[in-house]
N, C-alpha and C. Protein backbone atom coordinates (compact mmCIF):
# COMPACT_ATOMS: atom_id res chain seq x y z
N UNK A 1 21.01 -3.19 44.52
CA UNK A 1 20.86 -1.85 43.98
C UNK A 1 20.72 -1.87 42.45
N UNK A 2 21.61 -2.64 41.80
CA UNK A 2 21.55 -2.74 40.34
C UNK A 2 20.23 -3.37 39.90
N UNK A 3 19.72 -4.35 40.66
CA UNK A 3 18.45 -4.99 40.32
C UNK A 3 17.30 -3.99 40.38
N UNK A 4 17.32 -3.11 41.37
CA UNK A 4 16.25 -2.12 41.50
C UNK A 4 16.27 -1.14 40.32
N UNK A 5 17.45 -0.70 39.95
CA UNK A 5 17.56 0.25 38.82
C UNK A 5 17.13 -0.44 37.53
N UNK A 6 17.59 -1.69 37.32
CA UNK A 6 17.22 -2.43 36.12
C UNK A 6 15.71 -2.66 36.08
N UNK A 7 15.12 -2.99 37.22
CA UNK A 7 13.68 -3.21 37.29
C UNK A 7 12.91 -1.92 36.99
N UNK A 8 13.39 -0.82 37.53
CA UNK A 8 12.76 0.47 37.27
C UNK A 8 12.84 0.84 35.78
N UNK A 9 14.02 0.65 35.18
CA UNK A 9 14.18 0.94 33.76
C UNK A 9 13.28 0.04 32.90
N UNK A 10 13.17 -1.23 33.26
CA UNK A 10 12.32 -2.14 32.52
C UNK A 10 10.86 -1.70 32.61
N UNK A 11 10.41 -1.27 33.76
CA UNK A 11 9.04 -0.78 33.92
C UNK A 11 8.81 0.50 33.12
N UNK A 12 9.80 1.37 33.10
CA UNK A 12 9.67 2.61 32.32
C UNK A 12 9.58 2.31 30.82
N UNK A 13 10.37 1.35 30.35
CA UNK A 13 10.32 0.97 28.94
C UNK A 13 8.96 0.35 28.62
N UNK A 14 8.44 -0.48 29.50
CA UNK A 14 7.11 -1.06 29.30
C UNK A 14 6.05 0.04 29.23
N UNK A 15 6.12 0.96 30.16
CA UNK A 15 5.16 2.06 30.20
C UNK A 15 5.23 2.90 28.92
N UNK A 16 6.44 3.20 28.46
CA UNK A 16 6.60 3.98 27.23
C UNK A 16 6.04 3.21 26.03
N UNK A 17 6.28 1.91 25.97
CA UNK A 17 5.78 1.10 24.85
C UNK A 17 4.25 1.06 24.86
N UNK A 18 3.65 0.88 26.01
CA UNK A 18 2.18 0.87 26.11
C UNK A 18 1.62 2.22 25.71
N UNK A 19 2.25 3.29 26.17
CA UNK A 19 1.78 4.64 25.83
C UNK A 19 1.86 4.87 24.32
N UNK A 20 2.94 4.43 23.68
CA UNK A 20 3.07 4.59 22.23
C UNK A 20 2.02 3.78 21.48
N UNK A 21 1.75 2.57 21.94
CA UNK A 21 0.74 1.74 21.28
C UNK A 21 -0.64 2.38 21.36
N UNK A 22 -0.90 3.11 22.42
CA UNK A 22 -2.20 3.76 22.58
C UNK A 22 -2.22 5.14 21.89
N UNK A 23 -1.20 5.94 22.11
CA UNK A 23 -1.20 7.33 21.65
C UNK A 23 -1.03 7.46 20.14
N UNK A 24 -0.14 6.69 19.53
CA UNK A 24 0.13 6.85 18.10
C UNK A 24 -1.12 6.61 17.26
N UNK A 25 -1.85 5.50 17.43
CA UNK A 25 -3.08 5.35 16.62
C UNK A 25 -4.12 6.43 16.88
N UNK A 26 -4.27 6.84 18.13
CA UNK A 26 -5.23 7.90 18.45
C UNK A 26 -4.83 9.19 17.75
N UNK A 27 -3.56 9.53 17.82
CA UNK A 27 -3.05 10.78 17.24
C UNK A 27 -3.18 10.81 15.72
N UNK A 28 -2.94 9.70 15.05
CA UNK A 28 -2.93 9.71 13.59
C UNK A 28 -4.22 9.25 12.93
N UNK A 29 -5.11 8.58 13.65
CA UNK A 29 -6.32 8.08 13.04
C UNK A 29 -7.61 8.62 13.65
N UNK A 30 -7.58 9.13 14.87
CA UNK A 30 -8.81 9.60 15.51
C UNK A 30 -8.87 11.10 15.68
N UNK A 31 -7.84 11.70 16.24
CA UNK A 31 -7.84 13.15 16.48
C UNK A 31 -6.47 13.73 16.13
N UNK A 32 -6.48 15.00 15.72
CA UNK A 32 -5.23 15.70 15.45
C UNK A 32 -5.34 17.13 15.94
N UNK A 33 -4.27 17.63 16.52
CA UNK A 33 -4.27 19.03 16.95
C UNK A 33 -3.88 19.96 15.80
N UNK A 34 -4.50 21.14 15.75
CA UNK A 34 -4.18 22.15 14.74
C UNK A 34 -4.24 23.53 15.38
N UNK A 35 -3.40 24.42 14.85
CA UNK A 35 -3.48 25.83 15.19
C UNK A 35 -4.15 26.56 14.04
N UNK A 36 -5.04 27.48 14.35
CA UNK A 36 -5.65 28.31 13.33
C UNK A 36 -4.63 29.37 12.94
N UNK A 37 -4.38 29.50 11.64
CA UNK A 37 -3.46 30.51 11.14
C UNK A 37 -4.25 31.49 10.29
N UNK A 38 -4.34 32.70 10.72
CA UNK A 38 -5.05 33.72 9.95
C UNK A 38 -6.43 34.01 10.54
N UNK A 39 -7.09 34.97 9.91
CA UNK A 39 -8.36 35.45 10.44
C UNK A 39 -9.55 35.11 9.55
N UNK A 40 -9.36 34.25 8.56
CA UNK A 40 -10.44 33.98 7.61
C UNK A 40 -11.62 33.24 8.23
N UNK A 41 -11.45 32.61 9.38
CA UNK A 41 -12.54 31.87 10.01
C UNK A 41 -13.19 32.62 11.16
N UNK A 42 -12.80 33.89 11.36
CA UNK A 42 -13.45 34.67 12.43
C UNK A 42 -14.89 34.95 12.05
N UNK A 43 -15.82 34.99 12.94
CA UNK A 43 -15.71 34.95 14.39
C UNK A 43 -15.75 33.53 14.98
N UNK A 44 -15.85 32.50 14.15
CA UNK A 44 -15.91 31.13 14.69
C UNK A 44 -14.61 30.72 15.35
N UNK A 45 -13.50 30.92 14.65
CA UNK A 45 -12.18 30.56 15.16
C UNK A 45 -11.24 31.74 14.96
N UNK A 46 -10.41 31.99 15.94
CA UNK A 46 -9.51 33.14 15.89
C UNK A 46 -8.08 32.69 15.64
N UNK A 47 -7.27 33.62 15.16
CA UNK A 47 -5.87 33.36 14.88
C UNK A 47 -5.17 32.77 16.10
N UNK A 48 -4.40 31.72 15.90
CA UNK A 48 -3.61 31.01 16.91
C UNK A 48 -4.45 30.22 17.90
N UNK A 49 -5.73 30.00 17.62
CA UNK A 49 -6.52 29.11 18.47
C UNK A 49 -6.04 27.68 18.26
N UNK A 50 -6.09 26.89 19.31
CA UNK A 50 -5.68 25.49 19.26
C UNK A 50 -6.93 24.63 19.15
N UNK A 51 -7.02 23.81 18.11
CA UNK A 51 -8.19 22.97 17.87
C UNK A 51 -7.80 21.49 17.89
N UNK A 52 -8.70 20.66 18.35
CA UNK A 52 -8.55 19.21 18.24
C UNK A 52 -9.55 18.77 17.18
N UNK A 53 -9.05 18.21 16.09
CA UNK A 53 -9.87 17.86 14.94
C UNK A 53 -10.18 16.36 14.95
N UNK A 54 -11.43 16.05 14.74
CA UNK A 54 -11.91 14.67 14.64
C UNK A 54 -11.52 14.12 13.27
N UNK A 55 -10.74 13.06 13.23
CA UNK A 55 -10.30 12.45 11.98
C UNK A 55 -11.20 11.31 11.53
N UNK A 56 -12.14 10.91 12.34
CA UNK A 56 -12.91 9.70 12.09
C UNK A 56 -14.24 9.95 11.38
N UNK A 57 -14.89 11.05 11.63
CA UNK A 57 -16.26 11.29 11.14
C UNK A 57 -16.40 11.15 9.64
N UNK A 58 -15.46 11.72 8.87
CA UNK A 58 -15.62 11.73 7.43
C UNK A 58 -15.26 10.40 6.78
N UNK A 59 -14.91 9.41 7.57
CA UNK A 59 -14.78 8.06 7.05
C UNK A 59 -16.17 7.42 6.92
N UNK A 60 -17.17 8.00 7.61
CA UNK A 60 -18.52 7.43 7.61
C UNK A 60 -19.54 8.29 6.87
N UNK A 61 -19.28 9.58 6.69
CA UNK A 61 -20.19 10.45 5.93
C UNK A 61 -19.40 11.59 5.30
N UNK A 62 -19.96 12.14 4.23
CA UNK A 62 -19.29 13.24 3.54
C UNK A 62 -19.59 14.56 4.26
N UNK A 63 -18.74 15.56 4.09
CA UNK A 63 -19.00 16.86 4.72
C UNK A 63 -20.32 17.46 4.24
N UNK A 64 -21.01 18.11 5.14
CA UNK A 64 -22.28 18.75 4.83
C UNK A 64 -22.11 20.27 4.85
N UNK A 65 -23.05 20.96 4.23
CA UNK A 65 -23.02 22.42 4.19
C UNK A 65 -23.00 22.98 5.62
N UNK A 66 -22.10 23.92 5.85
CA UNK A 66 -22.00 24.56 7.16
C UNK A 66 -20.97 23.94 8.07
N UNK A 67 -20.52 22.74 7.77
CA UNK A 67 -19.51 22.10 8.62
C UNK A 67 -18.13 22.71 8.35
N UNK A 68 -17.27 22.64 9.35
CA UNK A 68 -15.90 23.11 9.23
C UNK A 68 -15.02 21.90 8.92
N UNK A 69 -14.16 22.04 7.93
CA UNK A 69 -13.27 20.95 7.55
C UNK A 69 -11.83 21.43 7.54
N UNK A 70 -10.92 20.51 7.78
CA UNK A 70 -9.49 20.77 7.67
C UNK A 70 -8.98 19.90 6.53
N UNK A 71 -8.23 20.49 5.61
CA UNK A 71 -7.71 19.73 4.47
C UNK A 71 -6.31 20.22 4.13
N UNK A 72 -5.59 19.38 3.42
CA UNK A 72 -4.24 19.73 2.99
C UNK A 72 -4.30 20.65 1.77
N UNK A 73 -3.43 21.64 1.77
CA UNK A 73 -3.31 22.54 0.62
C UNK A 73 -2.70 21.75 -0.53
N UNK A 74 -3.37 21.67 -1.68
CA UNK A 74 -2.88 20.82 -2.77
C UNK A 74 -1.48 21.16 -3.28
N UNK A 75 -1.10 22.42 -3.23
CA UNK A 75 0.22 22.81 -3.74
C UNK A 75 1.33 22.62 -2.72
N UNK A 76 0.98 22.47 -1.45
CA UNK A 76 1.95 22.22 -0.38
C UNK A 76 1.30 21.32 0.65
N UNK A 77 1.39 19.99 0.49
CA UNK A 77 0.68 19.06 1.39
C UNK A 77 1.09 19.16 2.86
N UNK A 78 2.17 19.86 3.16
CA UNK A 78 2.55 20.05 4.56
C UNK A 78 1.67 21.08 5.25
N UNK A 79 1.02 21.93 4.46
CA UNK A 79 0.18 23.01 4.99
C UNK A 79 -1.29 22.57 5.00
N UNK A 80 -1.99 22.92 6.07
CA UNK A 80 -3.41 22.58 6.21
C UNK A 80 -4.24 23.85 6.21
N UNK A 81 -5.44 23.76 5.63
CA UNK A 81 -6.39 24.86 5.65
C UNK A 81 -7.59 24.44 6.48
N UNK A 82 -8.20 25.39 7.16
CA UNK A 82 -9.45 25.16 7.88
C UNK A 82 -10.49 26.09 7.25
N UNK A 83 -11.58 25.50 6.75
CA UNK A 83 -12.61 26.28 6.05
C UNK A 83 -13.99 25.70 6.33
N UNK A 84 -15.02 26.50 6.07
CA UNK A 84 -16.41 26.07 6.22
C UNK A 84 -16.95 25.68 4.85
N UNK A 85 -17.67 24.57 4.79
CA UNK A 85 -18.27 24.09 3.54
C UNK A 85 -19.50 24.95 3.24
N UNK A 86 -19.49 25.61 2.07
CA UNK A 86 -20.66 26.42 1.71
C UNK A 86 -21.37 25.86 0.49
N UNK A 87 -20.67 25.06 -0.31
CA UNK A 87 -21.30 24.46 -1.50
C UNK A 87 -20.93 22.99 -1.55
N UNK A 88 -21.80 22.22 -2.17
CA UNK A 88 -21.62 20.79 -2.29
C UNK A 88 -21.35 20.44 -3.75
N UNK A 89 -20.93 19.22 -4.04
CA UNK A 89 -20.65 18.85 -5.43
C UNK A 89 -21.86 19.11 -6.33
N UNK A 90 -21.60 19.66 -7.51
CA UNK A 90 -22.66 19.96 -8.46
C UNK A 90 -23.26 21.34 -8.30
N UNK A 91 -22.82 22.10 -7.31
CA UNK A 91 -23.36 23.44 -7.09
C UNK A 91 -22.36 24.49 -7.57
N UNK A 92 -22.89 25.65 -7.92
CA UNK A 92 -22.07 26.79 -8.32
C UNK A 92 -22.21 27.87 -7.26
N UNK A 93 -21.15 28.65 -7.10
CA UNK A 93 -21.13 29.70 -6.09
C UNK A 93 -20.81 31.03 -6.76
N UNK A 94 -21.52 32.07 -6.33
CA UNK A 94 -21.24 33.42 -6.79
C UNK A 94 -21.23 34.33 -5.57
N UNK A 95 -20.22 35.17 -5.48
CA UNK A 95 -20.13 36.13 -4.38
C UNK A 95 -20.35 37.51 -4.98
N UNK A 96 -21.41 38.18 -4.48
CA UNK A 96 -21.78 39.47 -5.03
C UNK A 96 -22.29 40.34 -3.89
N UNK A 97 -21.78 41.56 -3.77
CA UNK A 97 -22.21 42.51 -2.73
C UNK A 97 -22.13 41.89 -1.34
N UNK A 98 -21.04 41.18 -1.06
CA UNK A 98 -20.81 40.55 0.24
C UNK A 98 -21.83 39.48 0.60
N UNK A 99 -22.48 38.91 -0.38
CA UNK A 99 -23.41 37.80 -0.17
C UNK A 99 -22.95 36.61 -1.00
N UNK A 100 -23.18 35.42 -0.48
CA UNK A 100 -22.85 34.20 -1.19
C UNK A 100 -24.12 33.63 -1.79
N UNK A 101 -24.13 33.46 -3.10
CA UNK A 101 -25.28 32.90 -3.81
C UNK A 101 -24.91 31.50 -4.29
N UNK A 102 -25.76 30.55 -3.99
CA UNK A 102 -25.51 29.17 -4.38
C UNK A 102 -26.58 28.73 -5.37
N UNK A 103 -26.13 28.14 -6.46
CA UNK A 103 -27.02 27.66 -7.51
C UNK A 103 -26.91 26.14 -7.57
N UNK A 104 -28.06 25.46 -7.62
CA UNK A 104 -28.07 24.00 -7.84
C UNK A 104 -29.36 23.64 -8.55
N UNK A 105 -29.57 22.35 -8.81
CA UNK A 105 -30.75 21.94 -9.57
C UNK A 105 -32.04 22.20 -8.80
N UNK A 106 -32.02 22.09 -7.49
CA UNK A 106 -33.22 22.35 -6.69
C UNK A 106 -33.53 23.85 -6.62
N UNK A 107 -32.50 24.68 -6.72
CA UNK A 107 -32.65 26.14 -6.65
C UNK A 107 -31.91 26.77 -7.84
N UNK A 108 -32.45 26.67 -9.05
CA UNK A 108 -31.73 27.20 -10.22
C UNK A 108 -31.60 28.73 -10.19
N UNK A 109 -32.51 29.41 -9.48
CA UNK A 109 -32.40 30.87 -9.39
C UNK A 109 -31.31 31.27 -8.41
N UNK A 110 -31.25 30.66 -7.24
CA UNK A 110 -30.19 30.80 -6.24
C UNK A 110 -30.78 30.72 -4.86
N UNK A 111 -29.95 30.51 -3.89
CA UNK A 111 -30.27 30.72 -2.49
C UNK A 111 -29.01 31.19 -1.80
N UNK A 112 -29.19 31.84 -0.66
CA UNK A 112 -28.01 32.38 0.02
C UNK A 112 -27.66 31.53 1.22
N UNK A 113 -26.41 31.63 1.57
CA UNK A 113 -25.91 30.88 2.72
C UNK A 113 -25.34 31.85 3.72
């Protein structure tokens, strides 16, 4: 009887160790779960929606215009923001009459997004 219980416990410990070896790297390096807080991303994402975020893509390319990114709030690194990229490095943004105007070297007058 004691051998059966010990064998069962040993198998459970093995299973837990294998699960941790697989789950921990996936959770911290490949995907992360997030809840949307607030309504700033509507209609794309709604308050309290549960999202699975890809952590791997931006190791191979930089964010592009229109993509949604999750980043840490600089003043409180425990808090994350989810936002859409509307301007790229070297561009200026102006919001006027509920329109977003983007200025860059290719479009010095502006274009809208």
